[in-house]
Amino acid sequence: MTQKGYIWMTGLLVAMALLAACAGRMAARSLLDEDYAVMSDEELLVYYDQVKEAIEKEEGGGGGFGLGLGLGVGSGSFSVGASQGMYVDDPTEQLRIRRNQVRLELARRGLQPQGTPQ
């Protein structure tokens, strides 16, 4: 592969990694835009599970996404790596607050989330 091919492939991989990282954040934020008070009982139970899963995904990230670049002198090799540090705008705390609000709404309606002891 030529040097231009390596650069093009690297750019493509970086773009894909950035898109994947942004998609997860947008999904968590879209959950916070939902109005759980007007949902039916079934919708509320599904919504609770979605919020819970989003929290688990955010907490299980282990640091997330970032970018590194390397160039091998003499061998003509080129490499790119990815990792992530702390988020400036982390939705995890907001998701926890929403989960607690939804739990209260479920209790008010006399509903029990799946997998919760009665």
C-alpha atoms as a PDB file:
ATOM      1  CA  MET A   1       0.000   0.000   0.000  1.00  0.00           C
ATOM      2  CA  THR A   2       1.274   3.478  -0.798  1.00  0.00           C
ATOM      3  CA  GLN A   3       1.796   6.264   1.707  1.00  0.00           C
ATOM      4  CA  LYS A   4      -1.328   8.010   0.421  1.00  0.00           C
ATOM      5  CA  GLY A   5      -3.266   4.788   0.977  1.00  0.00           C
ATOM      6  CA  TYR A   6      -2.058   4.586   4.588  1.00  0.00           C
ATOM      7  CA  ILE A   7      -3.019   8.194   5.238  1.00  0.00           C
ATOM      8  CA  TRP A   8      -6.454   7.721   3.669  1.00  0.00           C
ATOM      9  CA  MET A   9      -7.067   4.506   5.665  1.00  0.00           C
ATOM     10  CA  THR A  10      -5.938   6.201   8.867  1.00  0.00           C
ATOM     11  CA  GLY A  11      -8.271   9.123   8.294  1.00  0.00           C
ATOM     12  CA  LEU A  12     -11.151   6.740   7.687  1.00  0.00           C
ATOM     13  CA  LEU A  13     -10.454   4.796  10.896  1.00  0.00           C
ATOM     14  CA  VAL A  14     -10.209   7.993  12.954  1.00  0.00           C
ATOM     15  CA  ALA A  15     -13.497   9.285  11.531  1.00  0.00           C
ATOM     16  CA  MET A  16     -15.252   5.992  12.318  1.00  0.00           C
ATOM     17  CA  ALA A  17     -13.933   5.997  15.896  1.00  0.00           C
ATOM     18  CA  LEU A  18     -15.090   9.580  16.455  1.00  0.00           C
ATOM     19  CA  LEU A  19     -18.545   8.843  15.068  1.00  0.00           C
ATOM     20  CA  ALA A  20     -18.920   5.807  17.322  1.00  0.00           C
ATOM     21  CA  ALA A  21     -17.959   7.823  20.399  1.00  0.00           C
ATOM     22  CA  CYS A  22     -20.394  10.621  19.538  1.00  0.00           C
ATOM     23  CA  ALA A  23     -23.274   8.233  18.815  1.00  0.00           C
ATOM     24  CA  GLY A  24     -23.181   6.795  22.334  1.00  0.00           C
ATOM     25  CA  ARG A  25     -23.302  10.276  23.867  1.00  0.00           C
ATOM     26  CA  MET A  26     -26.210  11.353  21.698  1.00  0.00           C
ATOM     27  CA  ALA A  27     -28.218   8.251  22.642  1.00  0.00           C
ATOM     28  CA  ALA A  28     -27.785   8.983  26.353  1.00  0.00           C
ATOM     29  CA  ARG A  29     -28.803  12.608  25.854  1.00  0.00           C
ATOM     30  CA  SER A  30     -31.896  11.674  23.820  1.00  0.00           C
ATOM     31  CA  LEU A  31     -33.124   9.598  26.770  1.00  0.00           C
ATOM     32  CA  LEU A  32     -33.017  12.717  28.945  1.00  0.00           C
ATOM     33  CA  ASP A  33     -35.247  14.554  26.447  1.00  0.00           C
ATOM     34  CA  GLU A  34     -38.075  12.030  26.887  1.00  0.00           C
ATOM     35  CA  ASP A  35     -41.094  12.979  29.054  1.00  0.00           C
ATOM     36  CA  TYR A  36     -41.634   9.916  31.237  1.00  0.00           C
ATOM     37  CA  ALA A  37     -44.698  11.373  32.991  1.00  0.00           C
ATOM     38  CA  VAL A  38     -46.879  11.001  29.877  1.00  0.00           C
ATOM     39  CA  MET A  39     -45.739   7.457  29.009  1.00  0.00           C
ATOM     40  CA  SER A  40     -47.979   4.425  29.322  1.00  0.00           C
ATOM     41  CA  ASP A  41     -47.085   1.818  31.934  1.00  0.00           C
ATOM     42  CA  GLU A  42     -45.420  -0.419  29.331  1.00  0.00           C
ATOM     43  CA  GLU A  43     -43.478   2.466  27.806  1.00  0.00           C
ATOM     44  CA  LEU A  44     -42.321   3.569  31.249  1.00  0.00           C
ATOM     45  CA  LEU A  45     -40.993   0.098  32.088  1.00  0.00           C
ATOM     46  CA  VAL A  46     -39.081  -0.030  28.789  1.00  0.00           C
ATOM     47  CA  TYR A  47     -37.791   3.511  29.357  1.00  0.00           C
ATOM     48  CA  TYR A  48     -36.545   2.578  32.832  1.00  0.00           C
ATOM     49  CA  ASP A  49     -34.565  -0.322  31.353  1.00  0.00           C
ATOM     50  CA  GLN A  50     -33.102   1.955  28.655  1.00  0.00           C
ATOM     51  CA  VAL A  51     -31.968   4.535  31.227  1.00  0.00           C
ATOM     52  CA  LYS A  52     -30.459   1.803  33.388  1.00  0.00           C
ATOM     53  CA  GLU A  53     -28.562   0.354  30.403  1.00  0.00           C
ATOM     54  CA  ALA A  54     -27.310   3.815  29.388  1.00  0.00           C
ATOM     55  CA  ILE A  55     -25.904   4.341  32.901  1.00  0.00           C
ATOM     56  CA  GLU A  56     -24.171   0.961  32.804  1.00  0.00           C
ATOM     57  CA  LYS A  57     -22.700   1.746  29.384  1.00  0.00           C
ATOM     58  CA  GLU A  58     -21.432   5.163  30.523  1.00  0.00           C
ATOM     59  CA  GLU A  59     -19.913   3.763  33.722  1.00  0.00           C
ATOM     60  CA  GLY A  60     -18.396   0.737  32.010  1.00  0.00           C
ATOM     61  CA  GLY A  61     -16.484   2.788  29.462  1.00  0.00           C
ATOM     62  CA  GLY A  62     -13.254   2.702  31.430  1.00  0.00           C
ATOM     63  CA  GLY A  63     -11.985   5.998  30.077  1.00  0.00           C
ATOM     64  CA  GLY A  64     -13.427   6.000  26.598  1.00  0.00           C
ATOM     65  CA  PHE A  65     -11.883   7.604  23.468  1.00  0.00           C
ATOM     66  CA  GLY A  66      -8.841   9.680  22.349  1.00  0.00           C
ATOM     67  CA  LEU A  67      -6.360   9.822  19.458  1.00  0.00           C
ATOM     68  CA  GLY A  68      -2.658   9.073  18.923  1.00  0.00           C
ATOM     69  CA  LEU A  69      -0.436   9.112  15.842  1.00  0.00           C
ATOM     70  CA  GLY A  70       2.874   7.322  15.140  1.00  0.00           C
ATOM     71  CA  LEU A  71       5.320   7.337  12.238  1.00  0.00           C
ATOM     72  CA  GLY A  72       8.116   4.789  11.836  1.00  0.00           C
ATOM     73  CA  VAL A  73      11.277   6.360  10.434  1.00  0.00           C
ATOM     74  CA  GLY A  74      13.156   4.260   7.908  1.00  0.00           C
ATOM     75  CA  SER A  75      10.589   1.464   7.727  1.00  0.00           C
ATOM     76  CA  GLY A  76       7.860   3.543   6.146  1.00  0.00           C
ATOM     77  CA  SER A  77       5.305   2.424   8.729  1.00  0.00           C
ATOM     78  CA  PHE A  78       2.487   4.593   9.983  1.00  0.00           C
ATOM     79  CA  SER A  79       0.107   3.893  12.867  1.00  0.00           C
ATOM     80  CA  VAL A  80      -2.844   5.461  14.651  1.00  0.00           C
ATOM     81  CA  GLY A  81      -4.282   4.636  18.071  1.00  0.00           C
ATOM     82  CA  ALA A  82      -7.334   5.720  20.000  1.00  0.00           C
ATOM     83  CA  SER A  83      -8.206   6.195  23.701  1.00  0.00           C
ATOM     84  CA  GLN A  84     -10.270   8.595  25.812  1.00  0.00           C
ATOM     85  CA  GLY A  85      -9.931  10.633  28.972  1.00  0.00           C
ATOM     86  CA  MET A  86     -12.475  12.413  31.154  1.00  0.00           C
ATOM     87  CA  TYR A  87     -15.609  13.928  29.631  1.00  0.00           C
ATOM     88  CA  VAL A  88     -16.303  17.582  30.146  1.00  0.00           C
ATOM     89  CA  ASP A  89     -20.046  17.098  29.760  1.00  0.00           C
ATOM     90  CA  ASP A  90     -20.712  13.641  31.250  1.00  0.00           C
ATOM     91  CA  PRO A  91     -24.432  12.708  31.253  1.00  0.00           C
ATOM     92  CA  THR A  92     -24.042   9.901  33.830  1.00  0.00           C
ATOM     93  CA  GLU A  93     -25.170  11.939  36.845  1.00  0.00           C
ATOM     94  CA  GLN A  94     -28.182  13.288  34.937  1.00  0.00           C
ATOM     95  CA  LEU A  95     -29.080   9.731  33.911  1.00  0.00           C
ATOM     96  CA  ARG A  96     -28.905   8.597  37.561  1.00  0.00           C
ATOM     97  CA  ILE A  97     -31.226  11.416  38.597  1.00  0.00           C
ATOM     98  CA  ARG A  98     -33.634  10.473  35.791  1.00  0.00           C
ATOM     99  CA  ARG A  99     -33.510   6.789  36.813  1.00  0.00           C
ATOM    100  CA  ASN A 100     -34.517   7.769  40.356  1.00  0.00           C
ATOM    101  CA  GLN A 101     -37.337   9.970  39.049  1.00  0.00           C
ATOM    102  CA  VAL A 102     -38.622   7.115  36.897  1.00  0.00           C
ATOM    103  CA  ARG A 103     -38.409   4.719  39.870  1.00  0.00           C
ATOM    104  CA  LEU A 104     -40.613   7.083  41.867  1.00  0.00           C
ATOM    105  CA  GLU A 105     -43.090   7.298  38.991  1.00  0.00           C
ATOM    106  CA  LEU A 106     -43.158   3.499  38.716  1.00  0.00           C
ATOM    107  CA  ALA A 107     -43.823   3.219  42.459  1.00  0.00           C
ATOM    108  CA  ARG A 108     -46.584   5.849  42.223  1.00  0.00           C
ATOM    109  CA  ARG A 109     -48.255   3.764  39.509  1.00  0.00           C
ATOM    110  CA  GLY A 110     -47.782   0.548  41.497  1.00  0.00           C
ATOM    111  CA  LEU A 111     -45.357  -0.925  38.948  1.00  0.00           C
ATOM    112  CA  GLN A 112     -42.209  -2.921  39.620  1.00  0.00           C
ATOM    113  CA  PRO A 113     -39.227  -2.876  37.220  1.00  0.00           C
ATOM    114  CA  GLN A 114     -38.263  -6.284  35.886  1.00  0.00           C
ATOM    115  CA  GLY A 115     -35.592  -8.012  37.948  1.00  0.00           C
ATOM    116  CA  THR A 116     -36.375  -6.021  41.094  1.00  0.00           C
ATOM    117  CA  PRO A 117     -37.464  -7.927  44.234  1.00  0.00           C
ATOM    118  CA  GLN A 118     -41.027  -7.201  45.296  1.00  0.00           C
END
